[in-house]
PDB file of N, CA and C in Angstrom:
ATOM      1  N   MET A   1       0.743  -1.284   0.081  1.00  0.00           N
ATOM      2  CA  MET A   1      -0.034  -0.003  -0.153  1.00  0.00           C
ATOM      3  C   MET A   1       0.914   1.309   0.075  1.00  0.00           C
ATOM      4  N   LYS A   2       0.544   2.259  -0.823  1.00  0.00           N
ATOM      5  CA  LYS A   2       1.017   3.385  -0.903  1.00  0.00           C
ATOM      6  C   LYS A   2       0.518   4.505  -0.254  1.00  0.00           C
ATOM      7  N   ARG A   3       1.078   5.547   0.345  1.00  0.00           N
ATOM      8  CA  ARG A   3       0.501   6.688   1.099  1.00  0.00           C
ATOM      9  C   ARG A   3       0.747   7.773   0.066  1.00  0.00           C
ATOM     10  N   ILE A   4      -0.652   8.521  -0.407  1.00  0.00           N
ATOM     11  CA  ILE A   4      -0.799   9.280  -1.521  1.00  0.00           C
ATOM     12  C   ILE A   4      -1.517  10.346  -1.022  1.00  0.00           C
ATOM     13  N   GLN A   5      -1.055  11.719  -0.983  1.00  0.00           N
ATOM     14  CA  GLN A   5      -1.697  12.867  -0.703  1.00  0.00           C
ATOM     15  C   GLN A   5      -2.288  13.258  -2.090  1.00  0.00           C
ATOM     16  N   VAL A   6      -3.714  13.483  -2.025  1.00  0.00           N
ATOM     17  CA  VAL A   6      -4.466  13.787  -3.218  1.00  0.00           C
ATOM     18  C   VAL A   6      -5.137  15.151  -2.892  1.00  0.00           C
ATOM     19  N   GLN A   7      -4.973  16.073  -4.119  1.00  0.00           N
ATOM     20  CA  GLN A   7      -5.602  17.478  -3.843  1.00  0.00           C
ATOM     21  C   GLN A   7      -6.749  17.353  -5.009  1.00  0.00           C
ATOM     22  N   TYR A   8      -7.799  18.184  -4.560  1.00  0.00           N
ATOM     23  CA  TYR A   8      -8.959  18.128  -5.743  1.00  0.00           C
ATOM     24  C   TYR A   8      -9.219  19.809  -5.904  1.00  0.00           C
ATOM     25  N   PHE A   9      -9.913  20.105  -6.955  1.00  0.00           N
ATOM     26  CA  PHE A   9     -10.145  21.462  -7.565  1.00  0.00           C
ATOM     27  C   PHE A   9     -11.669  21.454  -7.869  1.00  0.00           C
ATOM     28  N   ALA A  10     -12.321  22.447  -7.987  1.00  0.00           N
ATOM     29  CA  ALA A  10     -13.614  22.888  -8.509  1.00  0.00           C
ATOM     30  C   ALA A  10     -14.611  21.677  -8.265  1.00  0.00           C
ATOM     31  N   VAL A  11     -15.198  21.040  -9.239  1.00  0.00           N
ATOM     32  CA  VAL A  11     -16.300  20.149  -9.095  1.00  0.00           C
ATOM     33  C   VAL A  11     -15.718  18.716  -8.386  1.00  0.00           C
ATOM     34  N   LEU A  12     -14.738  18.629  -8.571  1.00  0.00           N
ATOM     35  CA  LEU A  12     -14.061  17.351  -7.620  1.00  0.00           C
ATOM     36  C   LEU A  12     -13.869  17.596  -6.269  1.00  0.00           C
ATOM     37  N   ARG A  13     -13.492  18.703  -5.842  1.00  0.00           N
ATOM     38  CA  ARG A  13     -13.683  19.129  -4.476  1.00  0.00           C
ATOM     39  C   ARG A  13     -14.948  19.171  -3.758  1.00  0.00           C
ATOM     40  N   GLU A  14     -15.817  19.801  -4.666  1.00  0.00           N
ATOM     41  CA  GLU A  14     -17.352  19.767  -4.441  1.00  0.00           C
ATOM     42  C   GLU A  14     -17.899  18.281  -4.052  1.00  0.00           C
ATOM     43  N   GLN A  15     -17.465  17.441  -4.921  1.00  0.00           N
ATOM     44  CA  GLN A  15     -18.070  16.022  -5.087  1.00  0.00           C
ATOM     45  C   GLN A  15     -17.230  15.000  -3.892  1.00  0.00           C
ATOM     46  N   ALA A  16     -16.037  15.457  -3.548  1.00  0.00           N
ATOM     47  CA  ALA A  16     -15.302  14.797  -2.498  1.00  0.00           C
ATOM     48  C   ALA A  16     -15.828  15.282  -1.255  1.00  0.00           C
ATOM     49  N   GLY A  17     -15.934  16.394  -1.069  1.00  0.00           N
ATOM     50  CA  GLY A  17     -16.336  16.985   0.075  1.00  0.00           C
ATOM     51  C   GLY A  17     -15.171  17.658   0.992  1.00  0.00           C
ATOM     52  N   CYS A  18     -13.794  17.789   0.380  1.00  0.00           N
ATOM     53  CA  CYS A  18     -12.813  18.047   0.761  1.00  0.00           C
ATOM     54  C   CYS A  18     -11.960  18.678  -0.353  1.00  0.00           C
ATOM     55  N   SER A  19     -10.858  19.466  -0.063  1.00  0.00           N
ATOM     56  CA  SER A  19      -9.952  20.068  -1.114  1.00  0.00           C
ATOM     57  C   SER A  19      -8.599  19.033  -1.212  1.00  0.00           C
ATOM     58  N   GLU A  20      -8.432  18.044  -0.103  1.00  0.00           N
ATOM     59  CA  GLU A  20      -7.424  17.277   0.069  1.00  0.00           C
ATOM     60  C   GLU A  20      -7.634  16.127   0.801  1.00  0.00           C
ATOM     61  N   GLU A  21      -6.779  14.931   0.613  1.00  0.00           N
ATOM     62  CA  GLU A  21      -7.014  13.882   1.713  1.00  0.00           C
ATOM     63  C   GLU A  21      -5.458  13.238   1.530  1.00  0.00           C
ATOM     64  N   LYS A  22      -5.447  12.511   2.411  1.00  0.00           N
ATOM     65  CA  LYS A  22      -4.215  11.476   2.329  1.00  0.00           C
ATOM     66  C   LYS A  22      -4.994  10.229   2.653  1.00  0.00           C
ATOM     67  N   ILE A  23      -4.515   9.212   1.480  1.00  0.00           N
ATOM     68  CA  ILE A  23      -5.047   7.980   1.487  1.00  0.00           C
ATOM     69  C   ILE A  23      -3.935   6.830   1.411  1.00  0.00           C
ATOM     70  N   LYS A  24      -4.403   5.635   1.486  1.00  0.00           N
ATOM     71  CA  LYS A  24      -3.381   4.418   1.475  1.00  0.00           C
ATOM     72  C   LYS A  24      -4.080   3.589   0.307  1.00  0.00           C
ATOM     73  N   THR A  25      -3.547   3.351  -0.631  1.00  0.00           N
ATOM     74  CA  THR A  25      -3.806   2.815  -1.936  1.00  0.00           C
ATOM     75  C   THR A  25      -3.127   1.744  -2.319  1.00  0.00           C
ATOM     76  N   PRO A  26      -3.597   0.578  -3.186  1.00  0.00           N
ATOM     77  CA  PRO A  26      -2.662  -0.026  -3.952  1.00  0.00           C
ATOM     78  C   PRO A  26      -2.641   0.345  -5.389  1.00  0.00           C
ATOM     79  N   ALA A  27      -3.240   1.251  -5.718  1.00  0.00           N
ATOM     80  CA  ALA A  27      -2.992   1.853  -7.199  1.00  0.00           C
ATOM     81  C   ALA A  27      -1.624   2.308  -7.336  1.00  0.00           C
ATOM     82  N   ASP A  28      -1.474   1.416  -8.769  1.00  0.00           N
ATOM     83  CA  ASP A  28      -0.276   1.880  -9.292  1.00  0.00           C
ATOM     84  C   ASP A  28       0.000   2.873  -9.980  1.00  0.00           C
ATOM     85  N   THR A  29      -1.122   3.522 -10.742  1.00  0.00           N
ATOM     86  CA  THR A  29      -0.917   4.561 -11.697  1.00  0.00           C
ATOM     87  C   THR A  29      -2.162   5.586 -11.377  1.00  0.00           C
ATOM     88  N   PRO A  30      -1.993   6.717 -11.692  1.00  0.00           N
ATOM     89  CA  PRO A  30      -2.896   7.688 -11.619  1.00  0.00           C
ATOM     90  C   PRO A  30      -4.444   7.333 -12.181  1.00  0.00           C
ATOM     91  N   ALA A  31      -4.400   6.637 -13.147  1.00  0.00           N
ATOM     92  CA  ALA A  31      -5.842   6.120 -13.780  1.00  0.00           C
ATOM     93  C   ALA A  31      -6.327   5.110 -12.805  1.00  0.00           C
ATOM     94  N   ALA A  32      -5.656   4.151 -12.239  1.00  0.00           N
ATOM     95  CA  ALA A  32      -6.092   3.266 -11.275  1.00  0.00           C
ATOM     96  C   ALA A  32      -6.731   3.994  -9.783  1.00  0.00           C
ATOM     97  N   LEU A  33      -5.978   4.866  -9.635  1.00  0.00           N
ATOM     98  CA  LEU A  33      -6.232   5.921  -8.326  1.00  0.00           C
ATOM     99  C   LEU A  33      -7.453   6.604  -8.584  1.00  0.00           C
ATOM    100  N   TYR A  34      -7.586   7.305  -9.842  1.00  0.00           N
ATOM    101  CA  TYR A  34      -8.629   7.743 -10.061  1.00  0.00           C
ATOM    102  C   TYR A  34     -10.140   6.947 -10.003  1.00  0.00           C
ATOM    103  N   GLN A  35      -9.832   5.914 -10.669  1.00  0.00           N
ATOM    104  CA  GLN A  35     -11.167   4.704 -10.565  1.00  0.00           C
ATOM    105  C   GLN A  35     -11.464   4.521  -9.159  1.00  0.00           C
ATOM    106  N   GLU A  36     -10.455   4.389  -8.363  1.00  0.00           N
ATOM    107  CA  GLU A  36     -10.758   4.019  -7.101  1.00  0.00           C
ATOM    108  C   GLU A  36     -11.554   5.227  -6.301  1.00  0.00           C
ATOM    109  N   LEU A  37     -11.083   6.570  -6.391  1.00  0.00           N
ATOM    110  CA  LEU A  37     -11.478   7.483  -5.816  1.00  0.00           C
ATOM    111  C   LEU A  37     -13.042   7.779  -6.577  1.00  0.00           C
ATOM    112  N   CYS A  38     -13.185   7.679  -7.799  1.00  0.00           N
ATOM    113  CA  CYS A  38     -14.607   7.442  -8.245  1.00  0.00           C
ATOM    114  C   CYS A  38     -15.625   6.623  -7.609  1.00  0.00           C
ATOM    115  N   ARG A  39     -15.215   5.492  -7.097  1.00  0.00           N
ATOM    116  CA  ARG A  39     -16.151   4.773  -6.239  1.00  0.00           C
ATOM    117  C   ARG A  39     -16.259   5.272  -5.109  1.00  0.00           C
ATOM    118  N   ARG A  40     -15.287   5.807  -4.659  1.00  0.00           N
ATOM    119  CA  ARG A  40     -15.293   6.295  -3.184  1.00  0.00           C
ATOM    120  C   ARG A  40     -16.232   7.652  -3.097  1.00  0.00           C
ATOM    121  N   HIS A  41     -15.921   8.509  -4.033  1.00  0.00           N
ATOM    122  CA  HIS A  41     -16.621   9.871  -3.902  1.00  0.00           C
ATOM    123  C   HIS A  41     -17.680  10.222  -4.807  1.00  0.00           C
ATOM    124  N   GLY A  42     -17.845   9.186  -5.825  1.00  0.00           N
ATOM    125  CA  GLY A  42     -19.027   9.346  -6.758  1.00  0.00           C
ATOM    126  C   GLY A  42     -18.454  10.376  -7.839  1.00  0.00           C
ATOM    127  N   PHE A  43     -17.348  10.631  -8.246  1.00  0.00           N
ATOM    128  CA  PHE A  43     -16.941  11.440  -9.204  1.00  0.00           C
ATOM    129  C   PHE A  43     -17.692  11.289 -10.533  1.00  0.00           C
ATOM    130  N   THR A  44     -18.292  12.526 -11.136  1.00  0.00           N
ATOM    131  CA  THR A  44     -18.855  12.516 -12.310  1.00  0.00           C
ATOM    132  C   THR A  44     -18.242  12.601 -13.677  1.00  0.00           C
ATOM    133  N   LEU A  45     -17.058  13.216 -13.447  1.00  0.00           N
ATOM    134  CA  LEU A  45     -16.191  13.578 -14.506  1.00  0.00           C
ATOM    135  C   LEU A  45     -15.389  12.370 -14.950  1.00  0.00           C
ATOM    136  N   PRO A  46     -15.231  12.110 -16.386  1.00  0.00           N
ATOM    137  CA  PRO A  46     -14.544  11.021 -16.895  1.00  0.00           C
ATOM    138  C   PRO A  46     -12.960  11.551 -16.796  1.00  0.00           C
ATOM    139  N   ALA A  47     -12.084  10.484 -16.644  1.00  0.00           N
ATOM    140  CA  ALA A  47     -10.616  10.865 -16.623  1.00  0.00           C
ATOM    141  C   ALA A  47     -10.440  11.489 -17.861  1.00  0.00           C
ATOM    142  N   GLY A  48     -10.847  11.114 -19.104  1.00  0.00           N
ATOM    143  CA  GLY A  48     -10.432  11.862 -20.268  1.00  0.00           C
ATOM    144  C   GLY A  48     -10.705  13.281 -20.331  1.00  0.00           C
ATOM    145  N   GLY A  49     -11.633  13.805 -19.401  1.00  0.00           N
ATOM    146  CA  GLY A  49     -11.536  15.478 -19.368  1.00  0.00           C
ATOM    147  C   GLY A  49     -10.687  15.878 -18.380  1.00  0.00           C
ATOM    148  N   LEU A  50      -9.825  15.114 -17.608  1.00  0.00           N
ATOM    149  CA  LEU A  50      -9.097  15.734 -16.905  1.00  0.00           C
ATOM    150  C   LEU A  50      -7.567  15.687 -17.002  1.00  0.00           C
ATOM    151  N   LYS A  51      -6.629  16.552 -16.305  1.00  0.00           N
ATOM    152  CA  LYS A  51      -5.333  16.423 -16.405  1.00  0.00           C
ATOM    153  C   LYS A  51      -4.910  15.956 -15.014  1.00  0.00           C
ATOM    154  N   VAL A  52      -3.798  15.304 -14.928  1.00  0.00           N
ATOM    155  CA  VAL A  52      -3.269  14.875 -13.707  1.00  0.00           C
ATOM    156  C   VAL A  52      -1.735  15.462 -13.302  1.00  0.00           C
ATOM    157  N   ALA A  53      -1.508  15.830 -12.199  1.00  0.00           N
ATOM    158  CA  ALA A  53       0.067  16.098 -12.023  1.00  0.00           C
ATOM    159  C   ALA A  53       0.491  15.278 -10.799  1.00  0.00           C
ATOM    160  N   ILE A  54       1.606  14.932 -10.854  1.00  0.00           N
ATOM    161  CA  ILE A  54       2.352  14.243  -9.857  1.00  0.00           C
ATOM    162  C   ILE A  54       3.444  15.309  -9.231  1.00  0.00           C
ATOM    163  N   ASN A  55       3.405  15.462  -7.841  1.00  0.00           N
ATOM    164  CA  ASN A  55       4.473  16.310  -7.460  1.00  0.00           C
ATOM    165  C   ASN A  55       4.871  17.569  -8.207  1.00  0.00           C
ATOM    166  N   ASP A  56       3.463  18.276  -8.619  1.00  0.00           N
ATOM    167  CA  ASP A  56       3.906  19.593  -9.401  1.00  0.00           C
ATOM    168  C   ASP A  56       4.040  19.542 -10.921  1.00  0.00           C
ATOM    169  N   ASP A  57       4.305  18.287 -11.278  1.00  0.00           N
ATOM    170  CA  ASP A  57       4.527  18.202 -12.916  1.00  0.00           C
ATOM    171  C   ASP A  57       3.381  17.303 -13.563  1.00  0.00           C
ATOM    172  N   PHE A  58       3.051  17.804 -14.517  1.00  0.00           N
ATOM    173  CA  PHE A  58       1.963  17.155 -15.471  1.00  0.00           C
ATOM    174  C   PHE A  58       2.510  15.765 -15.545  1.00  0.00           C
ATOM    175  N   ALA A  59       1.714  14.754 -15.681  1.00  0.00           N
ATOM    176  CA  ALA A  59       1.981  13.298 -15.927  1.00  0.00           C
ATOM    177  C   ALA A  59       1.135  12.685 -16.657  1.00  0.00           C
ATOM    178  N   ALA A  60       1.539  11.478 -17.235  1.00  0.00           N
ATOM    179  CA  ALA A  60       0.614  10.695 -18.067  1.00  0.00           C
ATOM    180  C   ALA A  60      -0.296   9.967 -16.914  1.00  0.00           C
ATOM    181  N   TRP A  61      -1.527   9.412 -17.517  1.00  0.00           N
ATOM    182  CA  TRP A  61      -2.351   8.614 -16.648  1.00  0.00           C
ATOM    183  C   TRP A  61      -1.674   7.141 -16.235  1.00  0.00           C
ATOM    184  N   ASP A  62      -0.841   6.739 -16.998  1.00  0.00           N
ATOM    185  CA  ASP A  62      -0.243   5.630 -16.753  1.00  0.00           C
ATOM    186  C   ASP A  62       1.256   5.791 -16.092  1.00  0.00           C
ATOM    187  N   ALA A  63       1.520   6.871 -15.705  1.00  0.00           N
ATOM    188  CA  ALA A  63       2.866   7.076 -14.869  1.00  0.00           C
ATOM    189  C   ALA A  63       2.783   6.263 -13.446  1.00  0.00           C
ATOM    190  N   PRO A  64       3.909   5.655 -13.140  1.00  0.00           N
ATOM    191  CA  PRO A  64       4.016   4.778 -12.106  1.00  0.00           C
ATOM    192  C   PRO A  64       3.756   5.750 -10.523  1.00  0.00           C
ATOM    193  N   LEU A  65       2.865   5.489  -9.554  1.00  0.00           N
ATOM    194  CA  LEU A  65       2.827   5.924  -8.483  1.00  0.00           C
ATOM    195  C   LEU A  65       3.681   5.430  -7.517  1.00  0.00           C
ATOM    196  N   LYS A  66       4.522   6.386  -6.734  1.00  0.00           N
ATOM    197  CA  LYS A  66       5.412   5.970  -5.702  1.00  0.00           C
ATOM    198  C   LYS A  66       4.789   6.477  -4.256  1.00  0.00           C
ATOM    199  N   ASP A  67       5.281   5.734  -3.089  1.00  0.00           N
ATOM    200  CA  ASP A  67       4.884   6.237  -2.006  1.00  0.00           C
ATOM    201  C   ASP A  67       5.084   7.635  -1.526  1.00  0.00           C
ATOM    202  N   GLY A  68       4.244   8.249  -0.990  1.00  0.00           N
ATOM    203  CA  GLY A  68       4.565   9.646  -0.614  1.00  0.00           C
ATOM    204  C   GLY A  68       4.355  10.712  -1.732  1.00  0.00           C
ATOM    205  N   VAL A  69       3.991  10.427  -2.627  1.00  0.00           N
ATOM    206  CA  VAL A  69       3.722  11.389  -3.577  1.00  0.00           C
ATOM    207  C   VAL A  69       2.373  12.215  -3.524  1.00  0.00           C
ATOM    208  N   ARG A  70       2.321  13.432  -4.160  1.00  0.00           N
ATOM    209  CA  ARG A  70       0.997  14.325  -4.102  1.00  0.00           C
ATOM    210  C   ARG A  70       0.751  14.009  -5.508  1.00  0.00           C
ATOM    211  N   VAL A  71      -0.720  13.852  -5.723  1.00  0.00           N
ATOM    212  CA  VAL A  71      -1.504  13.588  -6.789  1.00  0.00           C
ATOM    213  C   VAL A  71      -2.582  14.741  -6.957  1.00  0.00           C
ATOM    214  N   VAL A  72      -2.747  15.427  -8.088  1.00  0.00           N
ATOM    215  CA  VAL A  72      -3.556  16.260  -8.235  1.00  0.00           C
ATOM    216  C   VAL A  72      -4.524  16.129  -9.592  1.00  0.00           C
ATOM    217  N   PHE A  73      -5.746  16.167  -9.426  1.00  0.00           N
ATOM    218  CA  PHE A  73      -6.586  15.795 -10.493  1.00  0.00           C
ATOM    219  C   PHE A  73      -7.047  17.306 -10.941  1.00  0.00           C
ATOM    220  N   ILE A  74      -6.935  17.690 -12.109  1.00  0.00           N
ATOM    221  CA  ILE A  74      -7.277  18.920 -12.601  1.00  0.00           C
ATOM    222  C   ILE A  74      -8.454  19.014 -13.441  1.00  0.00           C
ATOM    223  N   PRO A  75      -9.594  19.245 -13.122  1.00  0.00           N
ATOM    224  CA  PRO A  75     -10.853  19.442 -13.861  1.00  0.00           C
ATOM    225  C   PRO A  75     -10.548  20.625 -15.115  1.00  0.00           C
ATOM    226  N   PRO A  76     -11.395  20.701 -16.266  1.00  0.00           N
ATOM    227  CA  PRO A  76     -11.317  21.676 -16.997  1.00  0.00           C
ATOM    228  C   PRO A  76     -11.764  22.948 -16.242  1.00  0.00           C
ATOM    229  N   PHE A  77     -11.178  24.208 -16.703  1.00  0.00           N
ATOM    230  CA  PHE A  77     -11.748  25.416 -15.971  1.00  0.00           C
ATOM    231  C   PHE A  77     -12.573  26.347 -16.932  1.00  0.00           C
ATOM    232  N   ALA A  78     -13.685  26.818 -16.572  1.00  0.00           N
ATOM    233  CA  ALA A  78     -14.209  27.900 -17.426  1.00  0.00           C
ATOM    234  C   ALA A  78     -14.069  29.172 -16.801  1.00  0.00           C
ATOM    235  N   GLY A  79     -14.387  30.274 -17.483  1.00  0.00           N
ATOM    236  CA  GLY A  79     -14.107  31.540 -16.790  1.00  0.00           C
ATOM    237  C   GLY A  79     -13.625  32.475 -17.894  1.00  0.00           C
ATOM    238  N   GLY A  80     -13.780  33.826 -17.490  1.00  0.00           N
ATOM    239  CA  GLY A  80     -13.577  34.957 -18.433  1.00  0.00           C
ATOM    240  C   GLY A  80     -12.668  35.926 -17.867  1.00  0.00           C
TER     241      GLY A  80
END
């Protein structure tokens, strides 16, 4: 199990009910982690509409996750 800090923005923050959390997970990639979090929090956004960052750097959905990293799921933003 890995310890991961996850941060949420916009609609994901609303659906999770928090802006960040620390979790223990067996997920090996951001894609697997997001699937786990979708089941936990009922996220409605598909992964294809999000960006993911690991420790402040944009990452691929199949990038390996290591213990102690920070993962941020970034939904599309609208505004003007």
